[in-house]
N, C-alpha and C. Protein backbone atom coordinates (compact mmCIF):
# COMPACT_ATOMS: atom_id res chain seq x y z
N MET A 1 31.98 36.46 31.84
CA MET A 1 31.82 35.07 32.08
C MET A 1 30.34 34.67 32.00
N ARG A 2 29.47 35.54 32.49
CA ARG A 2 28.06 35.25 32.45
C ARG A 2 27.56 35.14 31.02
N LEU A 3 28.04 35.95 30.15
CA LEU A 3 27.62 35.94 28.75
C LEU A 3 28.01 34.61 28.10
N ARG A 4 29.16 34.10 28.42
CA ARG A 4 29.61 32.84 27.84
C ARG A 4 28.77 31.66 28.32
N ILE A 5 28.39 31.65 29.57
CA ILE A 5 27.56 30.56 30.10
C ILE A 5 26.18 30.61 29.47
N GLY A 6 25.63 31.80 29.34
CA GLY A 6 24.31 31.96 28.70
C GLY A 6 24.36 31.56 27.24
N THR A 7 25.41 31.94 26.55
CA THR A 7 25.57 31.60 25.14
C THR A 7 25.75 30.09 24.98
N ALA A 8 26.53 29.50 25.86
CA ALA A 8 26.74 28.06 25.80
C ALA A 8 25.44 27.31 26.08
N ALA A 9 24.66 27.79 27.04
CA ALA A 9 23.39 27.14 27.36
C ALA A 9 22.42 27.24 26.18
N ALA A 10 22.39 28.40 25.54
CA ALA A 10 21.52 28.58 24.36
C ALA A 10 21.97 27.67 23.23
N ALA A 11 23.26 27.55 23.05
CA ALA A 11 23.79 26.68 22.00
C ALA A 11 23.42 25.22 22.26
N VAL A 12 23.49 24.80 23.52
CA VAL A 12 23.14 23.42 23.88
C VAL A 12 21.65 23.17 23.61
N VAL A 13 20.81 24.14 23.96
CA VAL A 13 19.37 23.99 23.72
C VAL A 13 19.08 23.90 22.23
N VAL A 14 19.69 24.78 21.46
CA VAL A 14 19.47 24.78 20.01
C VAL A 14 19.95 23.47 19.39
N LEU A 15 21.10 22.99 19.78
CA LEU A 15 21.62 21.74 19.25
C LEU A 15 20.75 20.55 19.65
N SER A 16 20.22 20.60 20.86
CA SER A 16 19.33 19.52 21.31
C SER A 16 18.05 19.47 20.48
N VAL A 17 17.51 20.65 20.21
CA VAL A 17 16.29 20.72 19.39
C VAL A 17 16.59 20.23 17.98
N LEU A 18 17.72 20.63 17.42
CA LEU A 18 18.09 20.16 16.08
C LEU A 18 18.27 18.65 16.04
N MET A 19 18.87 18.09 17.06
CA MET A 19 19.04 16.63 17.11
C MET A 19 17.70 15.92 17.18
N LEU A 20 16.78 16.48 17.96
CA LEU A 20 15.46 15.90 18.09
C LEU A 20 14.75 15.86 16.75
N PHE A 21 14.79 16.98 16.02
CA PHE A 21 14.14 17.05 14.71
C PHE A 21 14.84 16.16 13.68
N SER A 22 16.14 16.01 13.77
CA SER A 22 16.83 15.14 12.82
C SER A 22 16.45 13.68 13.05
N TRP A 23 16.26 13.27 14.31
CA TRP A 23 15.81 11.90 14.57
C TRP A 23 14.40 11.69 14.04
N ALA A 24 13.55 12.70 14.15
CA ALA A 24 12.19 12.58 13.62
C ALA A 24 12.22 12.46 12.10
N ALA A 25 13.11 13.20 11.46
CA ALA A 25 13.24 13.12 10.00
C ALA A 25 13.75 11.75 9.57
N VAL A 26 14.68 11.20 10.30
CA VAL A 26 15.20 9.87 9.98
C VAL A 26 14.10 8.83 10.16
N ALA A 27 13.30 8.94 11.19
CA ALA A 27 12.20 7.99 11.40
C ALA A 27 11.18 8.10 10.28
N ALA A 28 10.88 9.32 9.83
CA ALA A 28 9.94 9.51 8.73
C ALA A 28 10.48 8.91 7.45
N ASP A 29 11.78 9.04 7.21
CA ASP A 29 12.38 8.43 6.03
C ASP A 29 12.25 6.92 6.10
N GLY A 30 12.44 6.33 7.26
CA GLY A 30 12.31 4.89 7.41
C GLY A 30 10.89 4.43 7.11
N PHE A 31 9.90 5.17 7.58
CA PHE A 31 8.50 4.84 7.31
C PHE A 31 8.22 4.94 5.83
N GLN A 32 8.65 6.06 5.22
CA GLN A 32 8.38 6.29 3.81
C GLN A 32 9.08 5.25 2.94
N GLU A 33 10.30 4.92 3.28
CA GLU A 33 11.05 3.92 2.53
C GLU A 33 10.36 2.56 2.62
N GLY A 34 9.93 2.18 3.81
CA GLY A 34 9.20 0.93 3.99
C GLY A 34 7.86 0.94 3.28
N TYR A 35 7.19 2.09 3.31
CA TYR A 35 5.88 2.23 2.66
C TYR A 35 6.00 2.02 1.16
N GLU A 36 7.00 2.64 0.55
CA GLU A 36 7.20 2.52 -0.90
C GLU A 36 7.52 1.07 -1.28
N LEU A 37 8.40 0.42 -0.52
CA LEU A 37 8.73 -0.97 -0.81
C LEU A 37 7.51 -1.86 -0.61
N GLY A 38 6.73 -1.59 0.42
CA GLY A 38 5.52 -2.37 0.66
C GLY A 38 4.51 -2.22 -0.47
N LYS A 39 4.36 -1.01 -0.99
CA LYS A 39 3.46 -0.78 -2.12
C LYS A 39 3.91 -1.58 -3.34
N GLN A 40 5.18 -1.53 -3.61
CA GLN A 40 5.72 -2.22 -4.78
C GLN A 40 5.53 -3.74 -4.66
N GLU A 41 5.87 -4.29 -3.51
CA GLU A 41 5.76 -5.74 -3.34
C GLU A 41 4.31 -6.20 -3.19
N GLY A 42 3.45 -5.33 -2.66
CA GLY A 42 2.03 -5.67 -2.57
C GLY A 42 1.41 -5.81 -3.95
N LYS A 43 1.82 -4.95 -4.88
CA LYS A 43 1.32 -5.05 -6.26
C LYS A 43 1.84 -6.32 -6.92
N GLN A 44 3.09 -6.66 -6.66
CA GLN A 44 3.68 -7.85 -7.27
C GLN A 44 3.05 -9.13 -6.73
N ASP A 45 2.66 -9.14 -5.48
CA ASP A 45 2.15 -10.35 -4.85
C ASP A 45 0.67 -10.61 -5.10
N THR A 46 -0.04 -9.66 -5.67
CA THR A 46 -1.46 -9.85 -5.92
C THR A 46 -1.64 -10.80 -7.10
N PRO A 47 -2.28 -11.93 -6.88
CA PRO A 47 -2.42 -12.90 -7.97
C PRO A 47 -3.45 -12.45 -9.01
N PHE A 48 -3.15 -12.78 -10.25
CA PHE A 48 -4.03 -12.42 -11.35
C PHE A 48 -5.32 -13.25 -11.34
N ILE A 49 -5.34 -14.29 -10.52
CA ILE A 49 -6.53 -15.15 -10.41
C ILE A 49 -7.74 -14.35 -9.93
N ASN A 50 -7.50 -13.20 -9.33
CA ASN A 50 -8.62 -12.35 -8.90
C ASN A 50 -9.48 -11.94 -10.08
N THR A 51 -8.89 -11.86 -11.28
CA THR A 51 -9.67 -11.54 -12.47
C THR A 51 -10.67 -12.66 -12.75
N VAL A 52 -10.22 -13.90 -12.57
CA VAL A 52 -11.12 -15.04 -12.77
C VAL A 52 -12.26 -15.00 -11.76
N TRP A 53 -11.94 -14.65 -10.51
CA TRP A 53 -13.00 -14.53 -9.50
C TRP A 53 -13.98 -13.44 -9.89
N GLY A 54 -13.50 -12.38 -10.51
CA GLY A 54 -14.40 -11.33 -11.00
C GLY A 54 -15.29 -11.82 -12.12
N LEU A 55 -14.73 -12.67 -13.01
CA LEU A 55 -15.53 -13.25 -14.10
C LEU A 55 -16.62 -14.15 -13.55
N ILE A 56 -16.24 -15.00 -12.60
CA ILE A 56 -17.18 -16.00 -12.08
C ILE A 56 -18.16 -15.37 -11.09
N GLY A 57 -17.63 -14.62 -10.14
CA GLY A 57 -18.46 -14.12 -9.05
C GLY A 57 -19.12 -12.79 -9.32
N ASN A 58 -18.61 -12.06 -10.29
CA ASN A 58 -19.14 -10.77 -10.69
C ASN A 58 -19.29 -9.83 -9.48
N VAL A 59 -20.48 -9.33 -9.22
CA VAL A 59 -20.69 -8.33 -8.16
C VAL A 59 -20.38 -8.91 -6.79
N PHE A 60 -20.68 -10.18 -6.58
CA PHE A 60 -20.43 -10.80 -5.28
C PHE A 60 -18.93 -10.87 -5.00
N ALA A 61 -18.16 -11.22 -6.02
CA ALA A 61 -16.70 -11.28 -5.84
C ALA A 61 -16.14 -9.90 -5.55
N PHE A 62 -16.69 -8.88 -6.20
CA PHE A 62 -16.22 -7.51 -5.94
C PHE A 62 -16.55 -7.10 -4.51
N GLY A 63 -17.74 -7.48 -4.04
CA GLY A 63 -18.11 -7.17 -2.66
C GLY A 63 -17.20 -7.85 -1.65
N VAL A 64 -16.87 -9.11 -1.92
CA VAL A 64 -15.96 -9.83 -1.03
C VAL A 64 -14.59 -9.17 -1.03
N ALA A 65 -14.09 -8.80 -2.21
CA ALA A 65 -12.78 -8.16 -2.30
C ALA A 65 -12.79 -6.79 -1.63
N ALA A 66 -13.89 -6.08 -1.74
CA ALA A 66 -13.96 -4.72 -1.18
C ALA A 66 -14.05 -4.74 0.34
N PHE A 67 -14.76 -5.71 0.90
CA PHE A 67 -15.00 -5.69 2.34
C PHE A 67 -14.13 -6.64 3.14
N SER A 68 -13.29 -7.40 2.47
CA SER A 68 -12.37 -8.27 3.21
C SER A 68 -10.97 -7.65 3.19
N THR A 69 -10.18 -8.04 4.15
CA THR A 69 -8.82 -7.50 4.21
C THR A 69 -7.90 -8.38 3.36
N PRO A 70 -6.93 -7.78 2.72
CA PRO A 70 -6.01 -8.58 1.92
C PRO A 70 -5.12 -9.44 2.82
N PRO A 71 -4.63 -10.55 2.29
CA PRO A 71 -3.75 -11.40 3.10
C PRO A 71 -2.47 -10.69 3.51
N ASP A 72 -1.91 -11.12 4.61
CA ASP A 72 -0.64 -10.56 5.07
C ASP A 72 0.49 -11.01 4.15
N PRO A 73 1.61 -10.31 4.19
CA PRO A 73 2.75 -10.74 3.38
C PRO A 73 3.20 -12.15 3.76
N SER A 74 3.82 -12.81 2.81
CA SER A 74 4.29 -14.18 3.06
C SER A 74 5.41 -14.17 4.09
N ALA A 75 5.75 -15.35 4.56
CA ALA A 75 6.82 -15.48 5.55
C ALA A 75 8.15 -15.00 4.99
N VAL A 76 8.35 -15.22 3.70
CA VAL A 76 9.60 -14.76 3.06
C VAL A 76 9.68 -13.25 3.08
N ARG A 77 8.56 -12.60 2.78
CA ARG A 77 8.54 -11.13 2.80
C ARG A 77 8.77 -10.61 4.22
N LEU A 78 8.15 -11.24 5.19
CA LEU A 78 8.32 -10.80 6.58
C LEU A 78 9.73 -11.04 7.08
N GLN A 79 10.37 -12.08 6.57
CA GLN A 79 11.74 -12.36 6.97
C GLN A 79 12.69 -11.27 6.49
N GLN A 80 12.36 -10.63 5.38
CA GLN A 80 13.18 -9.53 4.87
C GLN A 80 13.17 -8.33 5.81
N LEU A 81 12.16 -8.25 6.65
CA LEU A 81 12.04 -7.11 7.55
C LEU A 81 12.85 -7.27 8.83
N GLU A 82 13.47 -8.43 9.01
CA GLU A 82 14.28 -8.66 10.20
C GLU A 82 15.40 -7.63 10.26
N GLY A 83 15.57 -7.03 11.41
CA GLY A 83 16.64 -6.06 11.61
C GLY A 83 16.28 -4.64 11.17
N LYS A 84 15.09 -4.44 10.62
CA LYS A 84 14.67 -3.09 10.20
C LYS A 84 14.01 -2.39 11.39
N SER A 85 13.94 -1.08 11.29
CA SER A 85 13.32 -0.31 12.38
C SER A 85 11.81 -0.53 12.41
N SER A 86 11.20 -0.22 13.52
CA SER A 86 9.75 -0.41 13.65
C SER A 86 8.98 0.52 12.72
N ASP A 87 9.51 1.73 12.48
CA ASP A 87 8.86 2.64 11.54
C ASP A 87 8.89 2.07 10.14
N TYR A 88 10.01 1.48 9.77
CA TYR A 88 10.14 0.86 8.45
C TYR A 88 9.13 -0.28 8.31
N LYS A 89 9.02 -1.12 9.34
CA LYS A 89 8.09 -2.25 9.30
C LYS A 89 6.64 -1.77 9.21
N THR A 90 6.32 -0.75 9.99
CA THR A 90 4.97 -0.20 9.97
C THR A 90 4.64 0.36 8.59
N GLY A 91 5.58 1.12 8.02
CA GLY A 91 5.37 1.67 6.68
C GLY A 91 5.23 0.59 5.64
N TYR A 92 6.05 -0.45 5.75
CA TYR A 92 6.00 -1.56 4.79
C TYR A 92 4.64 -2.24 4.84
N LEU A 93 4.18 -2.59 6.05
CA LEU A 93 2.91 -3.30 6.17
C LEU A 93 1.74 -2.46 5.71
N GLU A 94 1.78 -1.16 5.98
CA GLU A 94 0.71 -0.27 5.54
C GLU A 94 0.70 -0.15 4.02
N GLY A 95 1.86 0.07 3.43
CA GLY A 95 1.95 0.18 1.98
C GLY A 95 1.57 -1.12 1.29
N TYR A 96 2.00 -2.25 1.87
CA TYR A 96 1.70 -3.56 1.30
C TYR A 96 0.20 -3.80 1.26
N SER A 97 -0.47 -3.58 2.38
CA SER A 97 -1.91 -3.87 2.42
C SER A 97 -2.70 -2.91 1.54
N GLN A 98 -2.31 -1.64 1.49
CA GLN A 98 -3.04 -0.69 0.65
C GLN A 98 -2.91 -1.02 -0.83
N SER A 99 -1.69 -1.29 -1.28
CA SER A 99 -1.51 -1.56 -2.70
C SER A 99 -2.09 -2.92 -3.09
N ARG A 100 -2.00 -3.89 -2.19
CA ARG A 100 -2.57 -5.20 -2.50
C ARG A 100 -4.09 -5.09 -2.61
N GLN A 101 -4.70 -4.31 -1.75
CA GLN A 101 -6.15 -4.12 -1.81
C GLN A 101 -6.53 -3.41 -3.11
N GLN A 102 -5.78 -2.41 -3.51
CA GLN A 102 -6.06 -1.70 -4.76
C GLN A 102 -5.97 -2.63 -5.96
N MET A 103 -4.94 -3.47 -5.97
CA MET A 103 -4.78 -4.40 -7.09
C MET A 103 -5.87 -5.46 -7.08
N ARG A 104 -6.28 -5.92 -5.92
CA ARG A 104 -7.38 -6.90 -5.85
C ARG A 104 -8.64 -6.30 -6.46
N LEU A 105 -8.95 -5.07 -6.07
CA LEU A 105 -10.15 -4.43 -6.61
C LEU A 105 -10.04 -4.19 -8.11
N LEU A 106 -8.86 -3.83 -8.57
CA LEU A 106 -8.65 -3.62 -10.00
C LEU A 106 -8.84 -4.92 -10.77
N TYR A 107 -8.26 -6.00 -10.30
CA TYR A 107 -8.38 -7.28 -11.00
C TYR A 107 -9.82 -7.80 -10.97
N VAL A 108 -10.44 -7.78 -9.81
CA VAL A 108 -11.82 -8.28 -9.70
C VAL A 108 -12.75 -7.38 -10.51
N GLY A 109 -12.54 -6.08 -10.46
CA GLY A 109 -13.37 -5.16 -11.26
C GLY A 109 -13.18 -5.38 -12.75
N GLY A 110 -11.94 -5.63 -13.16
CA GLY A 110 -11.69 -5.92 -14.57
C GLY A 110 -12.36 -7.20 -15.00
N GLY A 111 -12.29 -8.22 -14.16
CA GLY A 111 -12.97 -9.47 -14.48
C GLY A 111 -14.47 -9.31 -14.49
N MET A 112 -14.97 -8.43 -13.66
CA MET A 112 -16.40 -8.18 -13.60
C MET A 112 -16.88 -7.44 -14.85
N MET A 113 -16.01 -6.64 -15.44
CA MET A 113 -16.40 -5.84 -16.61
C MET A 113 -16.46 -6.66 -17.90
N VAL A 114 -15.73 -7.76 -17.97
CA VAL A 114 -15.69 -8.57 -19.20
C VAL A 114 -17.08 -9.09 -19.57
N PRO A 115 -17.82 -9.74 -18.66
CA PRO A 115 -19.17 -10.18 -19.04
C PRO A 115 -20.09 -9.01 -19.38
N ALA A 116 -19.91 -7.89 -18.70
CA ALA A 116 -20.75 -6.72 -19.00
C ALA A 116 -20.48 -6.21 -20.42
N LEU A 117 -19.22 -6.15 -20.80
CA LEU A 117 -18.89 -5.70 -22.16
C LEU A 117 -19.38 -6.69 -23.21
N ILE A 118 -19.23 -7.97 -22.95
CA ILE A 118 -19.72 -8.98 -23.88
C ILE A 118 -21.24 -8.87 -24.01
N GLY A 119 -21.92 -8.68 -22.90
CA GLY A 119 -23.37 -8.51 -22.93
C GLY A 119 -23.78 -7.29 -23.73
N LEU A 120 -23.07 -6.18 -23.56
CA LEU A 120 -23.39 -4.97 -24.34
C LEU A 120 -23.17 -5.19 -25.83
N ILE A 121 -22.12 -5.89 -26.18
CA ILE A 121 -21.84 -6.16 -27.60
C ILE A 121 -22.94 -7.05 -28.18
N VAL A 122 -23.31 -8.10 -27.46
CA VAL A 122 -24.36 -9.00 -27.94
C VAL A 122 -25.68 -8.27 -28.10
N ILE A 123 -26.02 -7.47 -27.11
CA ILE A 123 -27.29 -6.73 -27.18
C ILE A 123 -27.27 -5.73 -28.32
N SER A 124 -26.15 -5.01 -28.49
CA SER A 124 -26.08 -4.03 -29.58
C SER A 124 -26.12 -4.71 -30.94
N VAL A 125 -25.51 -5.88 -31.06
CA VAL A 125 -25.56 -6.61 -32.34
C VAL A 125 -26.99 -7.08 -32.60
N LEU A 126 -27.67 -7.59 -31.57
CA LEU A 126 -29.05 -8.05 -31.76
C LEU A 126 -29.98 -6.90 -32.10
N ILE A 127 -29.75 -5.74 -31.54
CA ILE A 127 -30.62 -4.59 -31.79
C ILE A 127 -30.41 -4.02 -33.18
N PHE A 128 -29.14 -3.89 -33.58
CA PHE A 128 -28.84 -3.20 -34.84
C PHE A 128 -28.70 -4.12 -36.04
N MET A 129 -28.84 -5.43 -35.86
CA MET A 129 -28.80 -6.35 -36.99
C MET A 129 -30.21 -6.41 -37.61
N PRO A 130 -30.28 -6.28 -38.92
CA PRO A 130 -31.65 -6.33 -39.55
C PRO A 130 -32.21 -7.72 -39.61
């Protein structure tokens, strides 16, 4: 009888530990799923007008984009998160802000490069034209 009680107690402990780890895995999946969706929607929501700001503002616009935080998701995007777990929401907001910041820097940097390339072409034409 003693062996059965000890075996049952060990089985309960092992099952409890397995349940604990399975809940942690489910929470991680929720975070990762939200993070991926946030990255995708953050890229979609970044306006291409940032390229124009890069053209006009050049280095100053890049500095503003680099040191400022990207805007939060719109109310429509936040409404989609209703009823989702807190891990999912946290992952979504983190992924959204990271990808939106990356796209802002890419657009502003691309706009910043256009005048530089035009300047290089003009200078090279002036130098190598007889």
